[in-house]
Protein backbone atom coordinates (compact mmCIF):
# COMPACT_ATOMS: atom_id res chain seq x y z
CA MET A 1 -31.28 52.03 -41.37
CA ALA A 2 -27.81 49.99 -41.96
CA ALA A 3 -28.38 47.70 -39.01
CA SER A 4 -31.63 46.97 -40.34
CA LEU A 5 -30.17 46.00 -43.71
CA ASP A 6 -27.73 43.59 -42.12
CA ARG A 7 -30.51 42.07 -40.13
CA TYR A 8 -32.46 41.34 -43.62
CA GLU A 9 -29.29 39.96 -45.30
CA GLN A 10 -28.71 37.92 -42.44
CA LYS A 11 -32.15 36.51 -41.88
CA LEU A 12 -32.18 35.37 -46.05
CA THR A 13 -28.49 33.91 -45.46
CA ASP A 14 -29.85 31.58 -43.29
CA GLU A 15 -33.03 31.03 -44.95
CA ALA A 16 -30.81 30.40 -48.04
CA ARG A 17 -28.15 27.66 -46.22
CA ARG A 18 -31.62 26.32 -44.98
CA TRP A 19 -32.56 25.50 -48.47
CA VAL A 20 -28.91 24.06 -49.67
CA VAL A 21 -29.25 21.79 -46.70
CA ARG A 22 -32.30 20.65 -47.29
CA LEU A 23 -32.02 20.74 -51.51
CA THR A 24 -28.65 18.82 -51.25
CA SER A 25 -29.95 16.40 -48.62
CA GLY A 26 -31.73 14.56 -51.20
CA GLY A 27 -35.26 13.95 -49.59
CA MET A 28 -37.33 17.26 -50.05
CA THR A 29 -41.24 16.53 -50.69
CA GLU A 30 -43.48 17.83 -53.31
CA PHE A 31 -44.94 20.33 -50.56
CA GLU A 32 -41.12 21.59 -49.46
CA MET A 33 -40.65 21.74 -53.69
CA SER A 34 -43.46 24.23 -54.08
CA ARG A 35 -42.49 26.40 -50.92
CA PHE A 36 -38.84 26.79 -52.50
CA ARG A 37 -40.20 27.59 -55.42
CA ASN A 38 -42.30 30.72 -54.12
CA TRP A 39 -39.07 31.66 -51.76
CA VAL A 40 -36.58 31.68 -54.69
CA ALA A 41 -39.00 33.87 -57.38
CA ASP A 42 -37.87 36.65 -55.12
CA CYS A 43 -35.01 38.14 -57.15
CA ASP A 44 -32.81 38.80 -53.15
CA HIS A 45 -33.85 34.98 -52.36
CA GLU A 46 -32.38 33.91 -55.08
CA ARG A 47 -29.01 35.67 -55.46
CA VAL A 48 -28.29 34.47 -52.07
CA LEU A 49 -29.17 31.37 -52.90
CA ARG A 50 -26.94 31.85 -55.81
CA ARG A 51 -24.00 32.89 -52.99
CA GLU A 52 -24.67 30.57 -50.60
CA MET A 53 -25.11 27.25 -53.53
CA THR A 54 -21.01 28.69 -54.27
CA ALA A 55 -20.11 28.51 -50.84
CA TRP A 56 -21.34 24.91 -50.59
CA ARG A 57 -20.14 23.81 -53.43
CA LYS A 58 -16.49 25.24 -52.07
CA LEU A 59 -17.00 23.57 -49.08
CA GLY A 60 -17.54 19.86 -51.13
CA GLN A 61 -14.48 20.50 -52.73
CA LEU A 62 -12.47 21.64 -49.80
CA GLY A 63 -13.87 18.05 -48.23
CA ASP A 64 -12.74 16.51 -50.64
CA PHE A 65 -9.59 17.84 -51.17
CA LEU A 66 -8.74 17.29 -47.75
CA GLU A 67 -10.11 13.43 -47.80
CA SER A 68 -8.01 12.83 -50.68
CA THR A 69 -4.66 13.98 -48.61
CA ILE A 70 -5.98 12.78 -45.36
CA CYS A 71 -5.54 9.10 -44.74
CA LEU A 72 -8.02 8.34 -41.73
CA PRO A 73 -7.47 5.33 -40.52
CA SER A 74 -9.98 2.77 -40.74
CA PRO A 75 -11.95 1.29 -37.58
CA VAL A 76 -9.55 -1.83 -37.09
CA GLU A 77 -6.62 0.47 -37.24
CA LEU A 78 -8.20 2.85 -34.21
CA ALA A 79 -9.07 -0.28 -32.14
CA ARG A 80 -5.05 -1.58 -32.67
CA LYS A 81 -4.58 1.47 -31.37
CA ARG A 82 -6.68 1.85 -28.23
CA VAL A 83 -5.51 -1.68 -27.19
CA ARG A 84 -1.56 -0.54 -27.98
CA ARG A 85 -1.86 2.75 -25.57
CA TRP A 86 -3.90 0.37 -22.73
CA ARG A 87 -1.30 -2.33 -23.02
CA VAL A 88 1.37 0.77 -22.62
CA SER A 89 -0.92 2.44 -19.80
CA GLY A 90 -0.80 -0.65 -18.16
CA LEU A 91 2.79 -1.33 -18.37
CA ALA A 92 3.41 2.19 -17.35
CA VAL A 93 1.16 1.04 -14.24
CA ALA A 94 3.07 -2.09 -13.52
CA ALA A 95 6.42 -0.18 -13.45
CA GLY A 96 5.14 2.15 -11.46
CA LEU A 97 4.21 -0.01 -8.68
CA ALA A 98 7.27 -2.34 -8.94
CA VAL A 99 9.40 1.02 -8.54
CA ILE A 100 7.04 1.73 -5.48
CA LEU A 101 7.34 -2.10 -4.33
CA ALA A 102 11.05 -1.94 -4.73
CA THR A 103 12.08 1.20 -3.12
CA PRO A 104 11.96 0.17 0.47
CA SER A 105 14.17 -2.44 -0.61
CA LEU A 106 16.87 -0.51 -2.68
CA LEU A 107 16.76 2.19 -0.54
CA LEU A 108 18.28 -0.61 2.49
CA HIS A 109 20.29 -2.07 0.26
CA ALA A 110 21.84 1.39 -0.68
CA ARG A 111 22.59 2.42 2.84
CA ALA A 112 23.02 -0.89 4.26
CA ASP A 113 27.41 -2.70 4.84
CA GLN A 114 25.79 -5.96 6.06
CA ILE A 115 22.33 -7.62 5.06
CA ALA A 116 22.24 -11.54 6.03
CA HIS A 117 19.77 -12.88 4.21
CA ALA A 118 18.59 -16.04 4.42
CA SER A 119 20.20 -17.12 7.57
CA ILE A 120 22.15 -16.26 10.59
CA GLU A 121 25.34 -14.21 10.11
CA ARG A 122 28.45 -13.91 11.85
CA LEU A 123 31.00 -10.66 11.20
CA THR A 124 33.57 -9.09 12.75
CA LEU A 125 33.39 -5.04 12.91
CA PRO A 126 36.84 -3.32 11.09
CA ASP A 127 37.67 -2.31 15.16
CA GLY A 128 37.45 -5.79 16.27
CA SER A 129 33.73 -6.21 17.37
CA SER A 130 31.88 -8.94 16.17
CA VAL A 131 27.51 -8.56 15.41
CA VAL A 132 25.44 -11.59 14.92
CA LEU A 133 22.47 -10.69 12.59
CA ASP A 134 19.33 -12.75 12.68
CA ALA A 135 18.32 -13.78 8.94
CA GLY A 136 17.01 -10.28 7.03
CA ALA A 137 18.76 -8.30 9.25
CA ALA A 138 20.48 -5.22 7.98
CA ILE A 139 23.07 -2.97 9.61
CA ALA A 140 25.24 0.04 8.18
CA VAL A 141 28.42 0.66 9.57
CA ARG A 142 29.69 4.17 10.68
CA TYR A 143 33.24 4.88 12.33
CA ALA A 144 34.58 8.03 12.96
CA GLU A 145 37.57 9.70 14.84
CA SER A 146 35.17 10.36 17.96
CA GLU A 147 33.15 7.34 18.03
CA ARG A 148 32.01 3.98 16.77
CA LYS A 149 28.84 3.77 15.39
CA VAL A 150 26.33 1.09 13.97
CA GLU A 151 22.75 1.37 13.00
CA LEU A 152 20.43 -1.32 12.81
CA LEU A 153 18.25 -0.62 9.85
CA ARG A 154 16.33 -4.02 9.62
CA GLY A 155 15.68 -7.15 11.77
CA ARG A 156 17.71 -8.19 15.33
CA ALA A 157 21.23 -8.05 16.04
CA TRP A 158 24.02 -9.44 19.22
CA PHE A 159 26.52 -7.33 19.54
CA GLU A 160 30.44 -8.29 21.04
CA VAL A 161 31.87 -5.03 21.79
CA LYS A 162 35.97 -4.58 21.91
CA HIS A 163 36.32 -2.29 25.09
CA ASP A 164 38.17 1.22 23.88
CA LYS A 165 36.97 3.73 26.49
CA ASN A 166 38.17 6.74 24.51
CA LEU A 167 35.92 5.49 21.47
CA PRO A 168 32.66 4.53 22.56
CA PHE A 169 30.89 1.96 20.70
CA ARG A 170 26.45 3.59 19.79
CA VAL A 171 23.96 1.30 18.16
CA SER A 172 21.19 3.11 16.97
CA ALA A 173 17.49 1.07 16.07
CA ARG A 174 15.61 4.19 15.13
CA PRO A 175 14.43 6.47 16.77
CA CYS A 176 16.80 6.40 19.59
CA ALA A 177 19.96 5.58 20.24
CA ARG A 178 21.98 3.95 23.26
CA ARG A 179 25.22 3.40 24.16
CA PRO A 180 25.61 0.22 25.70
CA ALA A 181 26.52 -0.14 29.27
CA ALA A 182 28.30 -3.30 28.49
CA ARG A 183 30.48 -5.26 26.29
CA SER A 184 27.49 -7.21 24.76
CA THR A 185 23.91 -5.94 23.66
CA ALA A 186 21.36 -7.52 22.24
CA VAL A 187 19.57 -4.80 19.79
CA LYS A 188 16.31 -5.47 17.88
CA SER A 189 14.93 -3.09 15.41
CA ALA A 190 11.29 -3.67 15.41
CA SER A 191 10.96 -2.45 18.84
CA MET A 192 13.44 0.38 18.36
CA THR A 193 15.06 -0.05 21.84
CA VAL A 194 18.36 -1.83 23.46
CA CYS A 195 16.50 -5.17 24.38
CA ARG A 196 19.21 -6.85 26.74
CA SER A 197 22.21 -5.72 27.70
CA SER A 198 24.95 -8.41 29.88
């Protein structure tokens, strides 16, 4: 029995809400007004309609309150914000691409001890050996107690090695490493092998 009363009350509430919306819209026809008068003549209908009208007014007051306390941006301000967002996004993408494109060069500069930028350069290594770097070539020099190691990071190089039978001289150009058989050796990093020995 309570369930059927609840369904009846819910049905009345739904009908009353529809009437409240139609009444406040300001666009009711004469036929709809006639139907409304007939509907509201019932005591239960009038009671539920009054309750829903009170709730509707409170919602309107709440809306007025929120509108006065919340400063909503104008369409022009919203458009400016969108443009700013696109600019910031564009700058972020550009910065990301710059980092991605610069990373190999930055890594090379971090690892290299010597870089020949625009011209061929002749250098003397700490043990007295010499190296001629082609333009754009880069090397990392790693001398230890047991060996002398030079890593060709980029480009081509010609090595003239100072002989020391107790301290081998190794040149590596990824992925292979070779011990030069002679005192002078040309190495090219693109092919990753020792190119010529004499």
